Amino acid sequence: MNFTVFLIPNCKIHTIRTPFLSILLIFQQQSSILSLKSLSLRKETFKTTSNMFNSFGNIFRLTSFGESHGPGVGGVIDGFPAGIKIDMDFVQQELNRRRPGQSLLTTSRKEPDTVEFLSGIFEGKSTGCPIGFVVWNKNQHSNDYENIKNLFRPSHADYTYMQKYGIRDYRGGGRETISRVVAGALAKLALKQLGISVTAYTSQVGPVKLDKDYKSYNLDLIETNDVRCPDPEKAKEMAELIWKIKGEGDTIGGVVSCVIKGCPIGLGQPVFGKLHAALGNAMLSINAVKGFSYGQGFDSMELKGSEQNDVFYNNNGRVETKSNYSGGIQGGISNGQDIYFRVAFKPVATILMEQHTVNINGTDTTMKAKGRHDACVLPRAVPIVEAMAAMTILDYYLIDRTTQL
């Protein structure tokens, strides 16, 4: 990506670099303010500093790094509370749930995805210092992408990325979610001490979907099948559909549902810091996510207010609601009820079928992807949804601790 600097007689141009941006300050010897709009000036082109922001969160903050076909991926976590017991087996288990090659339904890429912590943990507990970690890549097949390095893959970010940055890594980048899962696992450990749990599951693959809400299912059954669906019969149908689509060289999308239990009253702010907006932002930052709906969402559009309102009542001295159409959030603030939402994932854009496209010169051509790819991301997306939800809730819990002295 380029920007233009105007060279003005009798002016000095200074660049101030911050961690996030470069600001050009233009000073004229006779005037402190100068409008560039009306001037016809010689111009030179400079490259910008990086303006891709890889940080998520406010107080609890993850900054990720690395690429799928580079040496490894990792991150730095700031703001993690001190004294939290770190269960390394649990963190690795969360990574294993996201790991490629875990079943015949997923990509065949084989990666151990073993996390190595570099700082912030001492004698099994968090120290309050930044937590650094890395997961080394072991099974890259970068040559699989040679045939498409000069092509724009349909429904990928190849074209938009190239237009914005003027350069792209054509080998792909799905492994960035590893950092999210590690940070989410740590967030889950902190939330566990507060009695808060985050559980996600596959609720729809293509036309095959669950027809009841989460309360009707035994969520302990989620990890008993490769699809991560709490209904064994529906899970079998989903798996058969994914296997059929995979055999055709095609892909299929679906929905991941998530429920957060034990969330205290008061997380979130009523205007621009709404809790559901933060959760939506977190979910929509995941690759392939195309939609977010919390509470009854679009399903309540046919109901009247008298049918949808969550009526308050006194439950032995505790104010509760007789229903939870709001999804545990009212006015952008958690109300103590279960928070539940759905996340829509599109079919994976990389398909093993011939498609029409253009090359980097704009010439019409065709392409067919090679390599190892998921026919459906839903089973591996479940722990990613949980991770982003856990990070958001912990961050907003820490923010809420600053509300009153």
Protein backbone atom coordinates (compact mmCIF):
# COMPACT_ATOMS: atom_id res chain seq x y z
CA MET A 1 0.00 0.00 0.00
CA ASN A 2 1.31 3.48 -0.87
CA PHE A 3 0.64 7.01 0.28
CA THR A 4 1.68 10.33 -1.22
CA VAL A 5 3.94 12.86 0.44
CA PHE A 6 3.91 16.38 -1.01
CA LEU A 7 7.28 18.10 -1.07
CA ILE A 8 6.72 21.77 -0.31
CA PRO A 9 9.34 24.51 -0.61
CA ASN A 10 10.57 25.84 2.74
CA CYS A 11 8.91 22.95 4.60
CA LYS A 12 10.33 20.18 6.74
CA ILE A 13 8.63 16.79 6.82
CA HIS A 14 9.00 14.76 9.98
CA THR A 15 7.78 11.21 10.57
CA ILE A 16 6.71 10.21 14.07
CA ARG A 17 6.53 6.43 14.52
CA THR A 18 4.28 4.91 17.15
CA PRO A 19 3.60 1.19 17.69
CA PHE A 20 0.51 1.44 15.53
CA LEU A 21 0.95 4.17 12.93
CA SER A 22 3.18 6.72 11.33
CA ILE A 23 2.04 10.33 11.40
CA LEU A 24 3.42 12.85 8.98
CA LEU A 25 3.72 16.30 10.44
CA ILE A 26 4.37 19.13 8.00
CA PHE A 27 5.78 22.38 9.30
CA GLN A 28 6.26 25.56 7.28
CA GLN A 29 8.74 28.11 8.49
CA GLN A 30 6.20 30.94 8.27
CA SER A 31 3.00 29.07 9.13
CA SER A 32 2.06 26.23 11.41
CA ILE A 33 -0.96 25.17 9.39
CA LEU A 34 -0.90 24.47 5.67
CA SER A 35 -3.67 23.22 3.46
CA LEU A 36 -2.55 20.84 0.73
CA LYS A 37 -5.82 20.81 -1.17
CA SER A 38 -5.22 23.91 -3.30
CA LEU A 39 -1.55 23.29 -4.05
CA SER A 40 -0.20 21.73 -7.23
CA LEU A 41 2.94 20.03 -6.00
CA ARG A 42 5.61 17.56 -6.97
CA LYS A 43 5.01 14.24 -5.26
CA GLU A 44 6.98 11.17 -4.35
CA THR A 45 5.71 7.81 -3.24
CA PHE A 46 6.66 6.07 -0.03
CA LYS A 47 5.70 2.74 1.49
CA THR A 48 3.61 2.90 4.64
CA THR A 49 4.62 1.19 7.83
CA SER A 50 2.53 -1.83 8.70
CA ASN A 51 -1.04 -0.95 9.56
CA MET A 52 -2.32 -4.46 10.10
CA PHE A 53 -3.43 -4.70 13.72
CA ASN A 54 -3.04 -8.15 15.24
CA SER A 55 -4.21 -7.28 18.75
CA PHE A 56 -7.53 -8.17 20.37
CA GLY A 57 -8.94 -6.98 23.68
CA ASN A 58 -8.70 -4.04 26.08
CA ILE A 59 -7.30 -5.07 29.47
CA PHE A 60 -6.93 -8.76 28.61
CA ARG A 61 -5.17 -8.39 25.28
CA LEU A 62 -3.80 -10.89 22.75
CA THR A 63 -1.29 -9.88 20.10
CA SER A 64 -0.69 -12.70 17.63
CA PHE A 65 2.08 -13.33 15.12
CA GLY A 66 3.24 -15.92 12.61
CA GLU A 67 2.05 -17.57 9.42
CA SER A 68 0.82 -20.99 8.35
CA HIS A 69 3.83 -21.64 6.15
CA GLY A 70 6.41 -19.81 8.24
CA PRO A 71 8.46 -21.25 11.12
CA GLY A 72 5.57 -21.00 13.56
CA VAL A 73 2.72 -19.00 15.07
CA GLY A 74 2.36 -17.52 18.52
CA GLY A 75 1.31 -14.60 20.62
CA VAL A 76 1.79 -12.33 23.60
CA ILE A 77 -0.96 -11.98 26.20
CA ASP A 78 -1.08 -8.80 28.28
CA GLY A 79 -3.31 -8.16 31.26
CA PHE A 80 -3.72 -11.74 32.41
CA PRO A 81 -4.32 -11.80 36.18
CA ALA A 82 -1.53 -13.08 38.42
CA GLY A 83 -1.90 -16.23 40.49
CA ILE A 84 -4.05 -18.22 38.07
CA LYS A 85 -3.14 -21.92 38.08
CA ILE A 86 -2.18 -22.89 34.54
CA ASP A 87 -3.27 -26.40 33.60
CA MET A 88 -0.89 -27.18 30.72
CA ASP A 89 -2.74 -30.38 29.84
CA PHE A 90 -5.97 -28.43 29.47
CA VAL A 91 -4.33 -25.82 27.21
CA GLN A 92 -2.90 -28.57 25.01
CA GLN A 93 -6.26 -30.35 24.93
CA GLU A 94 -7.90 -27.18 23.61
CA LEU A 95 -5.27 -27.00 20.86
CA ASN A 96 -5.87 -30.66 20.04
CA ARG A 97 -9.55 -29.89 19.47
CA ARG A 98 -8.54 -27.36 16.83
CA ARG A 99 -5.62 -29.39 15.43
CA PRO A 100 -5.72 -30.49 11.75
CA GLY A 101 -5.79 -34.17 10.89
CA GLN A 102 -7.82 -35.13 13.95
CA SER A 103 -10.41 -37.08 11.91
CA LEU A 104 -11.28 -38.13 8.37
CA LEU A 105 -13.62 -35.12 8.17
CA THR A 106 -10.83 -32.55 8.51
CA THR A 107 -7.80 -31.51 6.50
CA SER A 108 -5.15 -34.22 6.33
CA ARG A 109 -2.34 -31.84 7.34
CA LYS A 110 -0.58 -33.44 10.32
CA GLU A 111 0.60 -31.01 12.98
CA PRO A 112 1.31 -31.79 16.65
CA ASP A 113 0.50 -28.16 17.56
CA THR A 114 2.43 -28.37 20.81
CA VAL A 115 2.49 -25.03 22.63
CA GLU A 116 5.71 -23.72 24.16
CA PHE A 117 5.34 -20.96 26.77
CA LEU A 118 8.18 -18.46 26.90
CA SER A 119 7.25 -16.14 29.77
CA GLY A 120 4.63 -15.11 32.29
CA ILE A 121 4.26 -18.49 34.02
CA PHE A 122 6.29 -19.61 37.03
CA GLU A 123 5.83 -22.78 39.07
CA GLY A 124 2.53 -23.46 37.37
CA LYS A 125 0.93 -20.06 37.96
CA SER A 126 0.62 -16.83 36.02
CA THR A 127 2.93 -14.09 37.28
CA GLY A 128 1.04 -11.07 35.92
CA CYS A 129 3.79 -10.45 33.35
CA PRO A 130 3.11 -10.77 29.61
CA ILE A 131 2.65 -14.39 28.63
CA GLY A 132 4.59 -15.25 25.47
CA PHE A 133 4.06 -18.51 23.60
CA VAL A 134 4.82 -20.17 20.28
CA VAL A 135 3.65 -23.22 18.31
CA TRP A 136 6.15 -24.39 15.72
CA ASN A 137 4.93 -25.49 12.27
CA LYS A 138 6.09 -28.98 11.34
CA ASN A 139 4.20 -30.07 8.21
CA GLN A 140 4.10 -27.26 5.65
CA HIS A 141 3.51 -28.19 2.00
CA SER A 142 4.06 -24.75 0.49
CA ASN A 143 4.63 -26.16 -3.01
CA ASP A 144 0.92 -27.07 -3.13
CA TYR A 145 0.24 -23.36 -3.68
CA GLU A 146 2.70 -22.74 -6.54
CA ASN A 147 0.02 -23.17 -9.20
CA ILE A 148 -2.11 -20.32 -7.79
CA LYS A 149 0.54 -17.79 -6.80
CA ASN A 150 -0.38 -15.50 -9.70
CA LEU A 151 -4.13 -16.11 -9.50
CA PHE A 152 -6.91 -14.56 -7.43
CA ARG A 153 -8.79 -17.37 -5.70
CA PRO A 154 -12.61 -16.91 -5.77
CA SER A 155 -14.06 -15.65 -2.45
CA HIS A 156 -10.58 -15.38 -0.90
CA ALA A 157 -8.92 -12.15 0.20
CA ASP A 158 -6.23 -12.41 -2.49
CA TYR A 159 -7.52 -9.51 -4.58
CA THR A 160 -8.47 -7.13 -1.77
CA TYR A 161 -5.25 -7.84 0.13
CA MET A 162 -3.12 -7.21 -2.96
CA GLN A 163 -4.94 -3.95 -3.67
CA LYS A 164 -4.49 -2.77 -0.09
CA TYR A 165 -0.92 -3.85 0.68
CA GLY A 166 0.64 -4.34 -2.75
CA ILE A 167 1.97 -7.75 -1.70
CA ARG A 168 0.52 -11.03 -0.46
CA ASP A 169 1.56 -14.44 0.82
CA TYR A 170 -0.34 -16.75 -1.53
CA ARG A 171 0.26 -19.85 0.65
CA GLY A 172 -2.66 -19.29 3.00
CA GLY A 173 -3.00 -18.38 6.67
CA GLY A 174 -5.61 -20.38 8.56
CA ARG A 175 -3.25 -21.31 11.39
CA GLU A 176 -3.43 -17.83 12.94
CA THR A 177 -6.35 -19.13 15.01
CA ILE A 178 -3.89 -21.20 17.06
CA SER A 179 -2.99 -18.07 19.02
CA ARG A 180 -6.66 -17.44 19.74
CA VAL A 181 -7.15 -20.96 21.09
CA VAL A 182 -4.13 -20.71 23.41
CA ALA A 183 -5.25 -17.33 24.76
CA GLY A 184 -8.83 -18.58 25.00
CA ALA A 185 -7.71 -21.62 26.99
CA LEU A 186 -5.98 -19.37 29.52
CA ALA A 187 -9.07 -17.15 29.66
CA LYS A 188 -11.18 -20.24 30.35
CA LEU A 189 -8.92 -21.17 33.28
CA ALA A 190 -9.40 -17.70 34.77
CA LEU A 191 -13.16 -17.78 34.17
CA LYS A 192 -13.38 -21.20 35.81
CA GLN A 193 -12.28 -19.61 39.09
CA LEU A 194 -15.24 -17.23 38.70
CA GLY A 195 -17.72 -20.03 38.00
CA ILE A 196 -18.13 -19.06 34.33
CA SER A 197 -18.18 -21.71 31.59
CA VAL A 198 -18.16 -21.37 27.79
CA THR A 199 -19.48 -24.24 25.64
CA ALA A 200 -19.90 -24.33 21.87
CA TYR A 201 -21.11 -27.04 19.50
CA THR A 202 -22.01 -27.64 15.87
CA SER A 203 -25.73 -27.03 15.46
CA GLN A 204 -26.00 -27.06 11.66
CA VAL A 205 -24.10 -28.38 8.65
CA GLY A 206 -25.69 -27.43 5.35
CA PRO A 207 -29.41 -28.37 5.57
CA VAL A 208 -28.88 -30.73 8.54
CA LYS A 209 -29.59 -28.83 11.76
CA LEU A 210 -30.74 -29.19 15.34
CA ASP A 211 -34.34 -28.11 15.85
CA LYS A 212 -34.15 -27.37 19.60
CA ASP A 213 -32.20 -24.96 21.80
CA TYR A 214 -29.18 -25.88 23.92
CA LYS A 215 -31.25 -26.68 27.02
CA SER A 216 -32.77 -29.69 25.24
CA TYR A 217 -29.43 -31.43 24.70
CA ASN A 218 -26.80 -33.09 26.84
CA LEU A 219 -23.79 -30.91 26.12
CA ASP A 220 -21.50 -33.55 27.61
CA LEU A 221 -21.99 -35.46 24.34
CA ILE A 222 -20.36 -32.76 22.20
CA GLU A 223 -16.91 -34.36 22.23
CA THR A 224 -18.19 -37.90 21.61
CA ASN A 225 -18.28 -37.46 17.81
CA ASP A 226 -16.08 -35.91 15.15
CA VAL A 227 -18.61 -33.19 14.24
CA ARG A 228 -18.93 -31.95 17.85
CA CYS A 229 -22.72 -32.07 17.89
CA PRO A 230 -24.65 -32.95 21.09
CA ASP A 231 -27.26 -34.97 19.17
CA PRO A 232 -25.69 -38.32 18.14
CA GLU A 233 -28.21 -39.00 15.37
CA LYS A 234 -27.86 -35.54 13.83
CA ALA A 235 -24.10 -35.80 14.22
CA LYS A 236 -24.13 -38.94 12.09
CA GLU A 237 -26.14 -37.16 9.38
CA MET A 238 -23.79 -34.18 9.47
CA ALA A 239 -20.71 -36.42 9.20
CA GLU A 240 -22.18 -38.31 6.25
CA LEU A 241 -22.93 -35.02 4.48
CA ILE A 242 -19.43 -33.65 5.07
CA TRP A 243 -17.87 -36.90 3.82
CA LYS A 244 -20.05 -36.81 0.68
CA ILE A 245 -19.17 -33.15 -0.03
CA LYS A 246 -15.48 -33.85 0.57
CA GLY A 247 -15.57 -36.69 -1.97
CA GLU A 248 -16.94 -34.26 -4.55
CA GLY A 249 -14.06 -31.86 -3.97
CA ASP A 250 -16.54 -29.29 -2.67
CA THR A 251 -17.19 -27.64 0.71
CA ILE A 252 -20.14 -26.94 3.01
CA GLY A 253 -20.89 -24.37 5.73
CA GLY A 254 -23.07 -24.29 8.80
CA VAL A 255 -23.61 -22.88 12.28
CA VAL A 256 -21.79 -23.10 15.61
CA SER A 257 -23.91 -22.35 18.68
CA CYS A 258 -22.45 -21.24 21.99
CA VAL A 259 -23.71 -20.79 25.55
CA ILE A 260 -21.99 -18.92 28.40
CA LYS A 261 -23.15 -19.92 31.87
CA GLY A 262 -22.46 -18.21 35.19
CA CYS A 263 -21.78 -14.77 33.76
CA PRO A 264 -22.34 -12.12 36.46
CA ILE A 265 -24.67 -9.17 36.11
CA GLY A 266 -23.12 -5.95 34.82
CA LEU A 267 -20.63 -6.86 32.08
CA GLY A 268 -20.77 -4.45 29.16
CA GLN A 269 -21.67 -0.81 28.68
CA PRO A 270 -24.91 0.74 27.40
CA VAL A 271 -23.68 2.63 24.31
CA PHE A 272 -20.54 1.76 22.35
CA GLY A 273 -19.30 -0.92 24.73
CA LYS A 274 -22.27 -3.28 24.50
CA LEU A 275 -21.38 -6.83 25.47
CA HIS A 276 -23.20 -8.39 22.53
CA ALA A 277 -21.42 -6.00 20.16
CA ALA A 278 -18.08 -7.14 21.61
CA LEU A 279 -19.05 -10.79 21.18
CA GLY A 280 -20.18 -10.08 17.63
CA ASN A 281 -16.89 -8.35 16.86
CA ALA A 282 -14.98 -11.31 18.28
CA MET A 283 -16.91 -13.87 16.25
CA LEU A 284 -16.86 -11.91 13.00
CA SER A 285 -13.07 -11.65 13.27
CA ILE A 286 -12.83 -15.42 12.72
CA ASN A 287 -12.08 -16.44 9.14
CA ALA A 288 -15.15 -17.71 7.20
CA VAL A 289 -17.68 -16.23 9.67
CA LYS A 290 -20.54 -14.50 7.84
CA GLY A 291 -23.11 -13.90 10.57
CA PHE A 292 -23.74 -13.50 14.31
CA SER A 293 -27.05 -13.72 16.14
CA TYR A 294 -27.56 -13.63 19.92
CA GLY A 295 -30.61 -14.49 21.98
CA GLN A 296 -33.60 -15.18 19.76
CA GLY A 297 -32.08 -12.95 17.09
CA PHE A 298 -33.88 -13.10 13.77
CA ASP A 299 -36.14 -15.89 15.05
CA SER A 300 -38.09 -13.39 17.16
CA MET A 301 -39.07 -11.10 14.30
CA GLU A 302 -42.51 -12.69 14.03
CA LEU A 303 -43.26 -12.26 17.74
CA LYS A 304 -45.04 -9.34 19.38
CA GLY A 305 -43.51 -7.49 22.32
CA SER A 306 -46.00 -9.11 24.68
CA GLU A 307 -44.75 -12.51 23.53
CA GLN A 308 -41.03 -11.76 23.53
CA ASN A 309 -40.57 -9.66 26.68
CA ASP A 310 -38.58 -11.34 29.45
CA VAL A 311 -40.86 -10.75 32.45
CA PHE A 312 -39.16 -10.15 35.82
CA TYR A 313 -40.17 -11.92 39.01
CA ASN A 314 -38.87 -12.35 42.55
CA ASN A 315 -37.33 -15.81 42.98
CA ASN A 316 -36.85 -16.08 46.74
CA GLY A 317 -35.26 -12.66 47.00
CA ARG A 318 -33.40 -12.83 43.68
CA VAL A 319 -34.67 -10.88 40.67
CA GLU A 320 -34.86 -13.19 37.66
CA THR A 321 -36.73 -13.44 34.37
CA LYS A 322 -39.29 -16.10 33.45
CA SER A 323 -37.81 -16.38 29.95
CA ASN A 324 -34.52 -15.53 28.27
CA TYR A 325 -35.35 -14.34 24.78
CA SER A 326 -32.78 -11.56 25.29
CA GLY A 327 -29.96 -14.07 25.42
CA GLY A 328 -28.63 -12.93 28.79
CA ILE A 329 -27.91 -9.36 27.67
CA GLN A 330 -30.19 -6.34 28.02
CA GLY A 331 -29.20 -2.81 27.09
CA GLY A 332 -25.75 -4.11 26.20
CA ILE A 333 -25.21 -5.34 29.79
CA SER A 334 -25.26 -8.94 31.03
CA ASN A 335 -28.26 -9.71 33.27
CA GLY A 336 -27.02 -12.90 34.95
CA GLN A 337 -28.92 -15.29 32.68
CA ASP A 338 -27.29 -17.66 30.19
CA ILE A 339 -25.73 -15.84 27.24
CA TYR A 340 -26.30 -17.77 24.03
CA PHE A 341 -25.60 -17.00 20.39
CA ARG A 342 -25.05 -18.52 16.96
CA VAL A 343 -22.21 -18.03 14.51
CA ALA A 344 -22.67 -18.70 10.78
CA PHE A 345 -19.72 -20.08 8.81
CA LYS A 346 -19.63 -19.99 5.02
CA PRO A 347 -18.43 -22.97 2.97
CA VAL A 348 -14.63 -22.98 2.76
CA ALA A 349 -13.60 -20.93 -0.28
CA THR A 350 -10.87 -23.36 -1.36
CA ILE A 351 -12.48 -26.17 -3.37
CA LEU A 352 -10.80 -28.96 -5.31
CA MET A 353 -12.79 -28.17 -8.44
CA GLU A 354 -12.02 -26.09 -11.51
CA GLN A 355 -13.25 -22.50 -11.26
CA HIS A 356 -13.11 -19.40 -13.40
CA THR A 357 -10.94 -16.53 -12.15
CA VAL A 358 -8.41 -13.91 -13.29
CA ASN A 359 -4.67 -13.67 -12.79
CA ILE A 360 -2.76 -10.75 -11.27
CA ASN A 361 -2.76 -9.05 -14.68
CA GLY A 362 -6.53 -9.26 -14.96
CA THR A 363 -6.53 -11.96 -17.64
CA ASP A 364 -9.39 -14.46 -17.55
CA THR A 365 -8.29 -18.00 -16.74
CA THR A 366 -9.25 -21.08 -14.73
CA MET A 367 -7.78 -22.64 -11.61
CA LYS A 368 -8.05 -25.77 -9.50
CA ALA A 369 -6.75 -25.80 -5.94
CA LYS A 370 -4.38 -28.48 -4.70
CA GLY A 371 -3.27 -29.54 -1.27
CA ARG A 372 -4.95 -30.37 2.03
CA HIS A 373 -8.07 -28.44 2.97
CA ASP A 374 -11.15 -28.77 5.17
CA ALA A 375 -14.41 -29.64 3.44
CA CYS A 376 -16.18 -28.11 6.45
CA VAL A 377 -14.60 -25.94 9.14
CA LEU A 378 -17.36 -26.43 11.71
CA PRO A 379 -15.80 -29.26 13.79
CA ARG A 380 -12.49 -27.38 14.18
CA ALA A 381 -14.20 -24.00 14.58
CA VAL A 382 -15.97 -25.00 17.79
CA PRO A 383 -12.93 -24.43 20.07
CA ILE A 384 -12.16 -21.17 18.24
CA VAL A 385 -15.64 -19.82 18.95
CA GLU A 386 -15.23 -20.81 22.59
CA ALA A 387 -11.83 -19.13 22.74
CA MET A 388 -13.04 -15.81 21.35
CA ALA A 389 -16.04 -15.84 23.68
CA ALA A 390 -13.87 -16.62 26.72
CA MET A 391 -11.41 -13.84 25.89
CA THR A 392 -14.25 -11.35 25.46
CA ILE A 393 -15.97 -12.26 28.74
CA LEU A 394 -12.72 -12.16 30.74
CA ASP A 395 -11.79 -8.81 29.18
CA TYR A 396 -15.18 -7.32 30.01
CA TYR A 397 -15.06 -8.78 33.51
CA LEU A 398 -11.75 -7.00 34.11
CA ILE A 399 -13.17 -3.79 32.64
CA ASP A 400 -16.16 -4.05 34.97
CA ARG A 401 -13.82 -4.23 37.96
CA THR A 402 -12.82 -0.62 37.14
CA THR A 403 -16.43 0.69 37.13
CA GLN A 404 -16.69 1.55 40.83
CA LEU A 405 -14.19 2.03 43.64
